[in-house]
Amino acid sequence: MSKRNIGTRANAKTLRTEITPPEAKLWSILRGGRLEGIKFVRQMVFGPHYIADFAARSHKLVIELDGDSHAGQEAHDAARTVYMESKGYKVIRFANRDVFENPEGVARMILAAIGRDWS
């Protein structure tokens, strides 16, 4: 098993403390099993170089939020998605505005991605 990059782990820790408004909004929906009892984590390290915004390990699901900070790094995002999928995870993406404008729809799509219905 390969060791995780210490820099990547430190970056993930920093990202956990410097949460963006869209991440905070989605986290308020996901944290503490609020979404159908599913446990999610924030800023999960994948391998030596990648960090997922949110992940449900038990369902092998990664949720990525895309906003202005992702502009110009499409190749990196694509490589990260390929890597996570190679580890058996399904990756779904939402625009930051979707989290603010349609949080219920985002929650429904997350549940649909793991094969559950909104209750």
N, C-alpha and C. Protein backbone atom coordinates (compact mmCIF):
# COMPACT_ATOMS: atom_id res chain seq x y z
N MET A 1 0.85 -1.18 0.00
CA MET A 1 0.00 0.00 0.00
C MET A 1 0.89 1.23 0.00
N SER A 2 0.61 2.16 -0.89
CA SER A 2 1.44 3.35 -0.99
C SER A 2 1.13 4.33 0.13
N LYS A 3 2.16 5.04 0.55
CA LYS A 3 1.97 6.06 1.58
C LYS A 3 1.34 7.29 0.97
N ARG A 4 0.54 7.96 1.76
CA ARG A 4 -0.08 9.20 1.30
C ARG A 4 0.94 10.32 1.39
N ASN A 5 0.83 11.21 0.46
CA ASN A 5 1.70 12.36 0.43
C ASN A 5 1.38 13.26 1.62
N ILE A 6 2.39 13.57 2.42
CA ILE A 6 2.19 14.40 3.61
C ILE A 6 1.65 15.77 3.22
N GLY A 7 2.10 16.32 2.11
CA GLY A 7 1.62 17.61 1.65
C GLY A 7 0.15 17.57 1.30
N THR A 8 -0.30 16.48 0.68
CA THR A 8 -1.71 16.34 0.32
C THR A 8 -2.57 16.25 1.58
N ARG A 9 -2.09 15.50 2.57
CA ARG A 9 -2.83 15.37 3.83
C ARG A 9 -2.92 16.73 4.53
N ALA A 10 -1.83 17.48 4.52
CA ALA A 10 -1.83 18.80 5.15
C ALA A 10 -2.78 19.74 4.42
N ASN A 11 -2.79 19.65 3.09
CA ASN A 11 -3.70 20.47 2.29
C ASN A 11 -5.15 20.13 2.61
N ALA A 12 -5.46 18.85 2.74
CA ALA A 12 -6.83 18.44 3.08
C ALA A 12 -7.23 18.99 4.44
N LYS A 13 -6.33 18.96 5.38
CA LYS A 13 -6.61 19.49 6.71
C LYS A 13 -6.91 20.99 6.63
N THR A 14 -6.12 21.71 5.85
CA THR A 14 -6.34 23.14 5.67
C THR A 14 -7.70 23.39 5.02
N LEU A 15 -8.02 22.61 3.99
CA LEU A 15 -9.31 22.77 3.31
C LEU A 15 -10.49 22.51 4.24
N ARG A 16 -10.31 21.60 5.21
CA ARG A 16 -11.38 21.33 6.17
C ARG A 16 -11.65 22.54 7.07
N THR A 17 -10.61 23.29 7.37
CA THR A 17 -10.79 24.45 8.26
C THR A 17 -11.18 25.71 7.49
N GLU A 18 -10.88 25.75 6.20
CA GLU A 18 -11.19 26.92 5.38
C GLU A 18 -12.32 26.58 4.41
N ILE A 19 -13.46 26.22 4.96
CA ILE A 19 -14.60 25.76 4.17
C ILE A 19 -15.21 26.94 3.40
N THR A 20 -15.54 26.70 2.14
CA THR A 20 -16.17 27.74 1.31
C THR A 20 -17.67 27.78 1.61
N PRO A 21 -18.34 28.88 1.29
CA PRO A 21 -19.79 28.94 1.52
C PRO A 21 -20.58 27.81 0.84
N PRO A 22 -20.29 27.44 -0.42
CA PRO A 22 -21.04 26.32 -1.01
C PRO A 22 -20.77 25.00 -0.29
N GLU A 23 -19.52 24.78 0.12
CA GLU A 23 -19.20 23.57 0.87
C GLU A 23 -19.94 23.55 2.21
N ALA A 24 -19.98 24.70 2.88
CA ALA A 24 -20.68 24.79 4.16
C ALA A 24 -22.17 24.48 3.98
N LYS A 25 -22.75 24.98 2.92
CA LYS A 25 -24.18 24.73 2.65
C LYS A 25 -24.42 23.23 2.41
N LEU A 26 -23.61 22.61 1.56
CA LEU A 26 -23.78 21.18 1.31
C LEU A 26 -23.47 20.36 2.55
N TRP A 27 -22.47 20.76 3.30
CA TRP A 27 -22.11 20.03 4.51
C TRP A 27 -23.26 20.07 5.52
N SER A 28 -24.01 21.16 5.55
CA SER A 28 -25.14 21.25 6.47
C SER A 28 -26.22 20.22 6.11
N ILE A 29 -26.25 19.79 4.87
CA ILE A 29 -27.19 18.77 4.42
C ILE A 29 -26.65 17.37 4.70
N LEU A 30 -25.34 17.19 4.58
CA LEU A 30 -24.73 15.86 4.64
C LEU A 30 -24.24 15.44 6.03
N ARG A 31 -23.81 16.38 6.83
CA ARG A 31 -23.11 16.04 8.08
C ARG A 31 -23.99 15.28 9.06
N GLY A 32 -23.31 14.49 9.87
CA GLY A 32 -23.99 13.79 10.95
C GLY A 32 -25.09 12.85 10.51
N GLY A 33 -24.99 12.31 9.31
CA GLY A 33 -26.00 11.36 8.82
C GLY A 33 -27.34 12.00 8.53
N ARG A 34 -27.37 13.32 8.32
CA ARG A 34 -28.64 14.02 8.08
C ARG A 34 -29.33 13.59 6.79
N LEU A 35 -28.55 13.08 5.84
CA LEU A 35 -29.14 12.64 4.58
C LEU A 35 -29.31 11.12 4.64
N GLU A 36 -30.50 10.71 5.09
CA GLU A 36 -30.86 9.28 5.14
C GLU A 36 -29.88 8.44 5.96
N GLY A 37 -29.22 9.05 6.93
CA GLY A 37 -28.32 8.31 7.81
C GLY A 37 -26.97 7.94 7.20
N ILE A 38 -26.68 8.47 6.03
CA ILE A 38 -25.43 8.14 5.33
C ILE A 38 -24.29 8.98 5.91
N LYS A 39 -23.18 8.33 6.23
CA LYS A 39 -22.02 9.04 6.77
C LYS A 39 -21.17 9.57 5.62
N PHE A 40 -20.95 10.87 5.63
CA PHE A 40 -20.09 11.54 4.67
C PHE A 40 -18.90 12.13 5.40
N VAL A 41 -17.80 12.25 4.68
CA VAL A 41 -16.61 12.95 5.18
C VAL A 41 -16.28 14.06 4.21
N ARG A 42 -15.55 15.07 4.72
CA ARG A 42 -15.12 16.19 3.90
C ARG A 42 -13.64 16.08 3.62
N GLN A 43 -13.24 16.53 2.44
CA GLN A 43 -11.84 16.62 2.05
C GLN A 43 -11.09 15.30 2.28
N MET A 44 -11.60 14.25 1.68
CA MET A 44 -11.01 12.91 1.80
C MET A 44 -9.83 12.78 0.84
N VAL A 45 -8.70 12.35 1.37
CA VAL A 45 -7.50 12.17 0.57
C VAL A 45 -7.62 10.87 -0.22
N PHE A 46 -7.31 10.96 -1.52
CA PHE A 46 -7.28 9.80 -2.42
C PHE A 46 -5.86 9.66 -2.94
N GLY A 47 -5.20 8.59 -2.57
CA GLY A 47 -3.85 8.36 -3.07
C GLY A 47 -2.91 9.49 -2.70
N PRO A 48 -1.85 9.62 -3.45
CA PRO A 48 -0.84 10.62 -3.08
C PRO A 48 -1.15 12.05 -3.51
N HIS A 49 -2.13 12.26 -4.41
CA HIS A 49 -2.25 13.59 -5.00
C HIS A 49 -3.63 14.21 -5.02
N TYR A 50 -4.68 13.48 -4.66
CA TYR A 50 -6.03 13.98 -4.88
C TYR A 50 -6.83 14.09 -3.58
N ILE A 51 -7.77 15.04 -3.59
CA ILE A 51 -8.66 15.26 -2.45
C ILE A 51 -10.08 15.39 -2.99
N ALA A 52 -11.00 14.63 -2.41
CA ALA A 52 -12.42 14.73 -2.78
C ALA A 52 -13.09 15.73 -1.85
N ASP A 53 -13.99 16.54 -2.39
CA ASP A 53 -14.72 17.50 -1.55
C ASP A 53 -15.52 16.77 -0.48
N PHE A 54 -16.31 15.77 -0.89
CA PHE A 54 -17.12 14.97 0.04
C PHE A 54 -17.10 13.53 -0.45
N ALA A 55 -17.20 12.60 0.49
CA ALA A 55 -17.26 11.19 0.11
C ALA A 55 -18.08 10.41 1.11
N ALA A 56 -18.81 9.43 0.59
CA ALA A 56 -19.52 8.44 1.40
C ALA A 56 -18.80 7.13 1.14
N ARG A 57 -17.91 6.76 2.03
CA ARG A 57 -17.10 5.55 1.84
C ARG A 57 -17.97 4.31 1.71
N SER A 58 -19.02 4.23 2.53
CA SER A 58 -19.87 3.03 2.53
C SER A 58 -20.59 2.82 1.20
N HIS A 59 -20.79 3.88 0.45
CA HIS A 59 -21.48 3.79 -0.83
C HIS A 59 -20.56 4.06 -2.02
N LYS A 60 -19.26 4.25 -1.72
CA LYS A 60 -18.27 4.50 -2.77
C LYS A 60 -18.71 5.65 -3.68
N LEU A 61 -19.09 6.76 -3.04
CA LEU A 61 -19.56 7.93 -3.77
C LEU A 61 -18.73 9.14 -3.40
N VAL A 62 -18.31 9.88 -4.41
CA VAL A 62 -17.60 11.15 -4.24
C VAL A 62 -18.48 12.26 -4.80
N ILE A 63 -18.55 13.37 -4.06
CA ILE A 63 -19.28 14.55 -4.51
C ILE A 63 -18.29 15.68 -4.65
N GLU A 64 -18.25 16.27 -5.84
CA GLU A 64 -17.37 17.40 -6.12
C GLU A 64 -18.20 18.64 -6.38
N LEU A 65 -17.77 19.76 -5.82
CA LEU A 65 -18.40 21.05 -6.10
C LEU A 65 -17.47 21.83 -7.01
N ASP A 66 -18.04 22.34 -8.08
CA ASP A 66 -17.25 23.09 -9.05
C ASP A 66 -17.69 24.54 -9.06
N GLY A 67 -16.73 25.40 -8.84
CA GLY A 67 -17.00 26.83 -8.87
C GLY A 67 -15.88 27.54 -9.61
N ASP A 68 -15.73 28.81 -9.33
CA ASP A 68 -14.71 29.61 -10.01
C ASP A 68 -13.30 29.07 -9.80
N SER A 69 -13.05 28.45 -8.65
CA SER A 69 -11.70 27.95 -8.37
C SER A 69 -11.30 26.79 -9.28
N HIS A 70 -12.27 26.18 -9.97
CA HIS A 70 -11.96 25.05 -10.86
C HIS A 70 -11.70 25.50 -12.29
N ALA A 71 -11.91 26.77 -12.57
CA ALA A 71 -11.66 27.28 -13.93
C ALA A 71 -10.18 27.12 -14.26
N GLY A 72 -9.91 26.55 -15.42
CA GLY A 72 -8.54 26.36 -15.85
C GLY A 72 -7.87 25.10 -15.34
N GLN A 73 -8.56 24.34 -14.53
CA GLN A 73 -7.96 23.10 -14.05
C GLN A 73 -8.79 21.88 -14.42
N GLU A 74 -9.41 21.98 -15.59
CA GLU A 74 -10.27 20.90 -16.07
C GLU A 74 -9.49 19.59 -16.24
N ALA A 75 -8.25 19.68 -16.72
CA ALA A 75 -7.44 18.47 -16.92
C ALA A 75 -7.15 17.80 -15.58
N HIS A 76 -6.83 18.60 -14.57
CA HIS A 76 -6.57 18.05 -13.23
C HIS A 76 -7.84 17.39 -12.68
N ASP A 77 -8.98 18.07 -12.83
CA ASP A 77 -10.25 17.52 -12.36
C ASP A 77 -10.57 16.20 -13.06
N ALA A 78 -10.33 16.15 -14.36
CA ALA A 78 -10.59 14.92 -15.12
C ALA A 78 -9.68 13.79 -14.65
N ALA A 79 -8.40 14.08 -14.42
CA ALA A 79 -7.47 13.06 -13.94
C ALA A 79 -7.88 12.58 -12.55
N ARG A 80 -8.32 13.50 -11.70
CA ARG A 80 -8.78 13.12 -10.35
C ARG A 80 -9.98 12.20 -10.45
N THR A 81 -10.93 12.53 -11.32
CA THR A 81 -12.12 11.70 -11.49
C THR A 81 -11.73 10.30 -11.96
N VAL A 82 -10.86 10.22 -12.94
CA VAL A 82 -10.40 8.91 -13.44
C VAL A 82 -9.76 8.10 -12.32
N TYR A 83 -8.94 8.75 -11.51
CA TYR A 83 -8.27 8.06 -10.41
C TYR A 83 -9.29 7.53 -9.40
N MET A 84 -10.23 8.38 -9.00
CA MET A 84 -11.22 7.96 -8.01
C MET A 84 -12.10 6.84 -8.55
N GLU A 85 -12.47 6.94 -9.82
CA GLU A 85 -13.26 5.87 -10.43
C GLU A 85 -12.46 4.57 -10.51
N SER A 86 -11.16 4.68 -10.70
CA SER A 86 -10.32 3.47 -10.74
C SER A 86 -10.28 2.77 -9.38
N LYS A 87 -10.61 3.51 -8.33
CA LYS A 87 -10.66 2.96 -6.98
C LYS A 87 -12.08 2.49 -6.62
N GLY A 88 -12.97 2.50 -7.62
CA GLY A 88 -14.32 1.98 -7.42
C GLY A 88 -15.35 3.00 -6.98
N TYR A 89 -14.98 4.27 -6.96
CA TYR A 89 -15.91 5.32 -6.55
C TYR A 89 -16.67 5.89 -7.74
N LYS A 90 -17.91 6.24 -7.51
CA LYS A 90 -18.69 6.99 -8.48
C LYS A 90 -18.51 8.46 -8.13
N VAL A 91 -18.27 9.30 -9.12
CA VAL A 91 -18.05 10.73 -8.90
C VAL A 91 -19.19 11.51 -9.52
N ILE A 92 -19.82 12.35 -8.70
CA ILE A 92 -20.86 13.24 -9.21
C ILE A 92 -20.44 14.68 -8.91
N ARG A 93 -20.84 15.59 -9.78
CA ARG A 93 -20.43 16.99 -9.67
C ARG A 93 -21.64 17.90 -9.65
N PHE A 94 -21.50 18.97 -8.88
CA PHE A 94 -22.52 20.00 -8.83
C PHE A 94 -21.83 21.36 -8.94
N ALA A 95 -22.50 22.28 -9.60
CA ALA A 95 -22.02 23.66 -9.61
C ALA A 95 -22.36 24.28 -8.26
N ASN A 96 -21.52 25.18 -7.81
CA ASN A 96 -21.76 25.85 -6.53
C ASN A 96 -23.15 26.46 -6.47
N ARG A 97 -23.57 27.07 -7.58
CA ARG A 97 -24.88 27.73 -7.58
C ARG A 97 -26.02 26.74 -7.36
N ASP A 98 -25.87 25.49 -7.81
CA ASP A 98 -26.90 24.48 -7.60
C ASP A 98 -27.14 24.23 -6.12
N VAL A 99 -26.07 24.24 -5.34
CA VAL A 99 -26.19 24.00 -3.91
C VAL A 99 -27.02 25.09 -3.25
N PHE A 100 -26.84 26.33 -3.70
CA PHE A 100 -27.60 27.45 -3.13
C PHE A 100 -29.01 27.56 -3.69
N GLU A 101 -29.15 27.35 -4.99
CA GLU A 101 -30.44 27.57 -5.64
C GLU A 101 -31.39 26.38 -5.55
N ASN A 102 -30.83 25.16 -5.42
CA ASN A 102 -31.67 23.97 -5.42
C ASN A 102 -31.09 22.89 -4.51
N PRO A 103 -30.97 23.17 -3.21
CA PRO A 103 -30.37 22.17 -2.32
C PRO A 103 -31.16 20.87 -2.24
N GLU A 104 -32.49 20.97 -2.32
CA GLU A 104 -33.30 19.75 -2.28
C GLU A 104 -33.04 18.89 -3.52
N GLY A 105 -32.90 19.53 -4.67
CA GLY A 105 -32.59 18.80 -5.90
C GLY A 105 -31.22 18.14 -5.83
N VAL A 106 -30.25 18.83 -5.25
CA VAL A 106 -28.91 18.26 -5.06
C VAL A 106 -29.01 17.02 -4.16
N ALA A 107 -29.74 17.14 -3.06
CA ALA A 107 -29.90 16.00 -2.15
C ALA A 107 -30.57 14.83 -2.86
N ARG A 108 -31.57 15.12 -3.66
CA ARG A 108 -32.25 14.06 -4.42
C ARG A 108 -31.29 13.36 -5.39
N MET A 109 -30.45 14.14 -6.05
CA MET A 109 -29.51 13.56 -7.00
C MET A 109 -28.44 12.72 -6.29
N ILE A 110 -28.03 13.14 -5.11
CA ILE A 110 -27.07 12.34 -4.33
C ILE A 110 -27.68 11.02 -3.96
N LEU A 111 -28.91 11.05 -3.46
CA LEU A 111 -29.60 9.80 -3.10
C LEU A 111 -29.81 8.92 -4.32
N ALA A 112 -30.16 9.50 -5.45
CA ALA A 112 -30.35 8.72 -6.68
C ALA A 112 -29.03 8.06 -7.10
N ALA A 113 -27.92 8.75 -6.89
CA ALA A 113 -26.61 8.20 -7.27
C ALA A 113 -26.26 6.95 -6.46
N ILE A 114 -26.84 6.83 -5.27
CA ILE A 114 -26.56 5.63 -4.47
C ILE A 114 -27.75 4.68 -4.44
N GLY A 115 -28.74 4.98 -5.28
CA GLY A 115 -29.86 4.06 -5.42
C GLY A 115 -30.94 4.18 -4.35
N ARG A 116 -31.07 5.35 -3.77
CA ARG A 116 -32.10 5.57 -2.77
C ARG A 116 -33.07 6.64 -3.25
N ASP A 117 -34.29 6.57 -2.75
CA ASP A 117 -35.30 7.58 -3.05
C ASP A 117 -35.37 8.58 -1.92
N TRP A 118 -35.79 9.79 -2.26
CA TRP A 118 -36.01 10.85 -1.27
C TRP A 118 -37.21 10.46 -0.42
N SER A 119 -37.10 10.57 0.88
CA SER A 119 -38.26 10.22 1.74
C SER A 119 -38.84 11.43 2.40
